[in-house]
Amino acid sequence: MEASAGYLHTVGLQSDSTVAAVGLNKHGQCDVIGWSGIVAVAAGSYHTIGLKSDGTVIAAGWNKHGQCNVSGWRDIVAVAAGCAHTLGLQSDGTVVAVGDNEYGQCDVSEWRGIQLPGRY
């Protein structure tokens, strides 16, 4: 099981691979009913990200900066959410990012060899 805290919402990965969400739902960030096959979750300020067991990613919530534009992602092994951006770690150690890039927070296209904790 896993939990993640957004600005005013909280999401949790349940033992049956579904997601629970509570808190402010002004932008639909808690609209996770029906999500299944989820292996990891991440909460941004007003968006929620779910990593599916097949390596694809699903999103709900505020998409003003494109932070929920993850439908084309494949081979993802981990996800993270910032205030208004989303990151995905691909199985080859590269990273993809979408969303607000005002301060360069999505400039990860040159990253290589990124690993999950405990995998050396």
C-alpha atoms as a PDB file:
ATOM      1  CA  MET A   1       0.000   0.000   0.000  1.00  0.00           C
ATOM      2  CA  GLU A   2       1.064   3.555  -0.619  1.00  0.00           C
ATOM      3  CA  ALA A   3      -0.209   7.071   0.012  1.00  0.00           C
ATOM      4  CA  SER A   4       0.568  10.463  -1.472  1.00  0.00           C
ATOM      5  CA  ALA A   5      -0.398  13.958  -0.357  1.00  0.00           C
ATOM      6  CA  GLY A   6      -1.338  16.747  -2.731  1.00  0.00           C
ATOM      7  CA  TYR A   7      -2.057  20.337  -1.759  1.00  0.00           C
ATOM      8  CA  LEU A   8      -5.510  19.703  -0.279  1.00  0.00           C
ATOM      9  CA  HIS A   9      -6.140  16.079  -1.202  1.00  0.00           C
ATOM     10  CA  THR A  10      -4.727  12.685  -0.299  1.00  0.00           C
ATOM     11  CA  VAL A  11      -4.664   9.507  -2.365  1.00  0.00           C
ATOM     12  CA  GLY A  12      -3.985   5.955  -1.324  1.00  0.00           C
ATOM     13  CA  LEU A  13      -3.251   2.764  -3.201  1.00  0.00           C
ATOM     14  CA  GLN A  14      -5.405  -0.021  -1.805  1.00  0.00           C
ATOM     15  CA  SER A  15      -4.470  -3.691  -1.536  1.00  0.00           C
ATOM     16  CA  ASP A  16      -6.796  -4.575  -4.438  1.00  0.00           C
ATOM     17  CA  SER A  17      -4.918  -2.185  -6.785  1.00  0.00           C
ATOM     18  CA  THR A  18      -7.660   0.438  -6.706  1.00  0.00           C
ATOM     19  CA  VAL A  19      -7.223   4.008  -5.469  1.00  0.00           C
ATOM     20  CA  ALA A  20      -8.955   5.934  -2.693  1.00  0.00           C
ATOM     21  CA  ALA A  21      -8.968   9.732  -2.568  1.00  0.00           C
ATOM     22  CA  VAL A  22     -10.197  12.286  -0.044  1.00  0.00           C
ATOM     23  CA  GLY A  23     -10.077  16.051   0.313  1.00  0.00           C
ATOM     24  CA  LEU A  24     -10.735  18.976  -1.995  1.00  0.00           C
ATOM     25  CA  ASN A  25     -12.032  17.816  -5.369  1.00  0.00           C
ATOM     26  CA  LYS A  26     -12.497  21.216  -7.024  1.00  0.00           C
ATOM     27  CA  HIS A  27     -10.589  20.160 -10.146  1.00  0.00           C
ATOM     28  CA  GLY A  28     -11.508  16.451 -10.189  1.00  0.00           C
ATOM     29  CA  GLN A  29      -8.277  15.344  -8.532  1.00  0.00           C
ATOM     30  CA  CYS A  30     -10.216  12.858  -6.380  1.00  0.00           C
ATOM     31  CA  ASP A  31     -12.108  11.317  -9.315  1.00  0.00           C
ATOM     32  CA  VAL A  32     -10.343   7.965  -9.141  1.00  0.00           C
ATOM     33  CA  ILE A  33     -13.363   5.682  -8.813  1.00  0.00           C
ATOM     34  CA  GLY A  34     -12.974   2.959 -11.396  1.00  0.00           C
ATOM     35  CA  TRP A  35      -9.191   3.061 -11.469  1.00  0.00           C
ATOM     36  CA  SER A  36      -7.890  -0.516 -11.281  1.00  0.00           C
ATOM     37  CA  GLY A  37      -4.648  -2.347 -11.873  1.00  0.00           C
ATOM     38  CA  ILE A  38      -2.763   0.508 -10.206  1.00  0.00           C
ATOM     39  CA  VAL A  39       0.698  -0.182  -8.723  1.00  0.00           C
ATOM     40  CA  ALA A  40       1.731   3.345  -7.647  1.00  0.00           C
ATOM     41  CA  VAL A  41       0.150   6.753  -7.061  1.00  0.00           C
ATOM     42  CA  ALA A  42       1.368  10.332  -6.909  1.00  0.00           C
ATOM     43  CA  ALA A  43      -0.450  13.522  -5.971  1.00  0.00           C
ATOM     44  CA  GLY A  44       0.378  16.978  -7.282  1.00  0.00           C
ATOM     45  CA  SER A  45      -1.242  20.162  -6.065  1.00  0.00           C
ATOM     46  CA  TYR A  46      -4.479  19.587  -7.946  1.00  0.00           C
ATOM     47  CA  HIS A  47      -3.888  16.391  -9.915  1.00  0.00           C
ATOM     48  CA  THR A  48      -3.522  12.680  -9.235  1.00  0.00           C
ATOM     49  CA  ILE A  49      -1.408  10.192 -11.155  1.00  0.00           C
ATOM     50  CA  GLY A  50      -1.764   6.414 -11.234  1.00  0.00           C
ATOM     51  CA  LEU A  51       0.786   3.966 -12.615  1.00  0.00           C
ATOM     52  CA  LYS A  52      -0.871   0.867 -14.042  1.00  0.00           C
ATOM     53  CA  SER A  53       0.586  -2.627 -13.902  1.00  0.00           C
ATOM     54  CA  ASP A  54       1.099  -2.603 -17.689  1.00  0.00           C
ATOM     55  CA  GLY A  55       3.408   0.440 -17.504  1.00  0.00           C
ATOM     56  CA  THR A  56       0.848   2.971 -18.687  1.00  0.00           C
ATOM     57  CA  VAL A  57      -0.244   6.001 -16.675  1.00  0.00           C
ATOM     58  CA  ILE A  58      -3.621   7.545 -15.880  1.00  0.00           C
ATOM     59  CA  ALA A  59      -4.375  11.013 -14.520  1.00  0.00           C
ATOM     60  CA  ALA A  60      -7.215  13.015 -13.012  1.00  0.00           C
ATOM     61  CA  GLY A  61      -7.578  16.633 -12.024  1.00  0.00           C
ATOM     62  CA  TRP A  62      -6.423  20.073 -13.099  1.00  0.00           C
ATOM     63  CA  ASN A  63      -4.614  20.074 -16.435  1.00  0.00           C
ATOM     64  CA  LYS A  64      -3.963  23.797 -16.965  1.00  0.00           C
ATOM     65  CA  HIS A  65      -0.273  23.211 -17.706  1.00  0.00           C
ATOM     66  CA  GLY A  66      -0.638  19.793 -19.350  1.00  0.00           C
ATOM     67  CA  GLN A  67       0.399  17.911 -16.211  1.00  0.00           C
ATOM     68  CA  CYS A  68      -2.230  15.243 -16.912  1.00  0.00           C
ATOM     69  CA  ASN A  69      -1.133  14.599 -20.518  1.00  0.00           C
ATOM     70  CA  VAL A  70       0.259  11.140 -19.771  1.00  0.00           C
ATOM     71  CA  SER A  71      -1.985   8.918 -21.883  1.00  0.00           C
ATOM     72  CA  GLY A  72       0.784   8.170 -24.386  1.00  0.00           C
ATOM     73  CA  TRP A  73       3.359   7.107 -21.810  1.00  0.00           C
ATOM     74  CA  ARG A  74       4.558   3.477 -21.977  1.00  0.00           C
ATOM     75  CA  ASP A  75       7.107   1.339 -20.111  1.00  0.00           C
ATOM     76  CA  ILE A  76       6.830   3.489 -16.970  1.00  0.00           C
ATOM     77  CA  VAL A  77       8.100   1.972 -13.696  1.00  0.00           C
ATOM     78  CA  ALA A  78       7.619   4.926 -11.317  1.00  0.00           C
ATOM     79  CA  VAL A  79       5.737   8.223 -11.230  1.00  0.00           C
ATOM     80  CA  ALA A  80       6.068  11.487  -9.331  1.00  0.00           C
ATOM     81  CA  ALA A  81       3.967  14.628  -9.249  1.00  0.00           C
ATOM     82  CA  GLY A  82       5.029  18.171  -8.508  1.00  0.00           C
ATOM     83  CA  CYS A  83       2.837  21.207  -8.051  1.00  0.00           C
ATOM     84  CA  ALA A  84       1.839  21.363 -11.729  1.00  0.00           C
ATOM     85  CA  HIS A  85       4.087  18.837 -13.463  1.00  0.00           C
ATOM     86  CA  THR A  86       4.370  15.057 -13.683  1.00  0.00           C
ATOM     87  CA  LEU A  87       7.376  12.771 -14.112  1.00  0.00           C
ATOM     88  CA  GLY A  88       7.598   9.185 -15.289  1.00  0.00           C
ATOM     89  CA  LEU A  89      10.621   6.928 -14.969  1.00  0.00           C
ATOM     90  CA  GLN A  90      10.878   4.572 -17.935  1.00  0.00           C
ATOM     91  CA  SER A  91      12.226   1.043 -17.676  1.00  0.00           C
ATOM     92  CA  ASP A  92      15.358   2.056 -19.619  1.00  0.00           C
ATOM     93  CA  GLY A  93      16.305   4.651 -16.968  1.00  0.00           C
ATOM     94  CA  THR A  94      15.160   7.695 -18.914  1.00  0.00           C
ATOM     95  CA  VAL A  95      12.607  10.167 -17.593  1.00  0.00           C
ATOM     96  CA  VAL A  96       9.618  11.803 -19.260  1.00  0.00           C
ATOM     97  CA  ALA A  97       7.902  14.945 -17.999  1.00  0.00           C
ATOM     98  CA  VAL A  98       4.821  17.021 -18.748  1.00  0.00           C
ATOM     99  CA  GLY A  99       3.345  20.152 -17.273  1.00  0.00           C
ATOM    100  CA  ASP A 100       4.535  23.528 -16.069  1.00  0.00           C
ATOM    101  CA  ASN A 101       8.170  24.115 -17.003  1.00  0.00           C
ATOM    102  CA  GLU A 102       8.511  27.739 -15.884  1.00  0.00           C
ATOM    103  CA  TYR A 103      11.630  26.951 -13.855  1.00  0.00           C
ATOM    104  CA  GLY A 104      12.972  24.079 -15.973  1.00  0.00           C
ATOM    105  CA  GLN A 105      11.415  21.397 -13.785  1.00  0.00           C
ATOM    106  CA  CYS A 106      10.517  19.332 -16.867  1.00  0.00           C
ATOM    107  CA  ASP A 107      13.942  19.569 -18.524  1.00  0.00           C
ATOM    108  CA  VAL A 108      14.784  15.897 -18.010  1.00  0.00           C
ATOM    109  CA  SER A 109      15.145  14.686 -21.609  1.00  0.00           C
ATOM    110  CA  GLU A 110      18.904  14.232 -21.215  1.00  0.00           C
ATOM    111  CA  TRP A 111      18.673  12.202 -18.000  1.00  0.00           C
ATOM    112  CA  ARG A 112      19.971   8.642 -18.315  1.00  0.00           C
ATOM    113  CA  GLY A 113      20.553   5.793 -15.875  1.00  0.00           C
ATOM    114  CA  ILE A 114      17.994   6.938 -13.302  1.00  0.00           C
ATOM    115  CA  GLN A 115      17.188   4.065 -10.939  1.00  0.00           C
ATOM    116  CA  LEU A 116      14.516   3.216  -8.428  1.00  0.00           C
ATOM    117  CA  PRO A 117      15.700   3.228  -4.800  1.00  0.00           C
ATOM    118  CA  GLY A 118      17.260  -0.088  -3.816  1.00  0.00           C
ATOM    119  CA  ARG A 119      18.040  -1.128  -7.405  1.00  0.00           C
ATOM    120  CA  TYR A 120      21.759  -0.737  -7.996  1.00  0.00           C
END
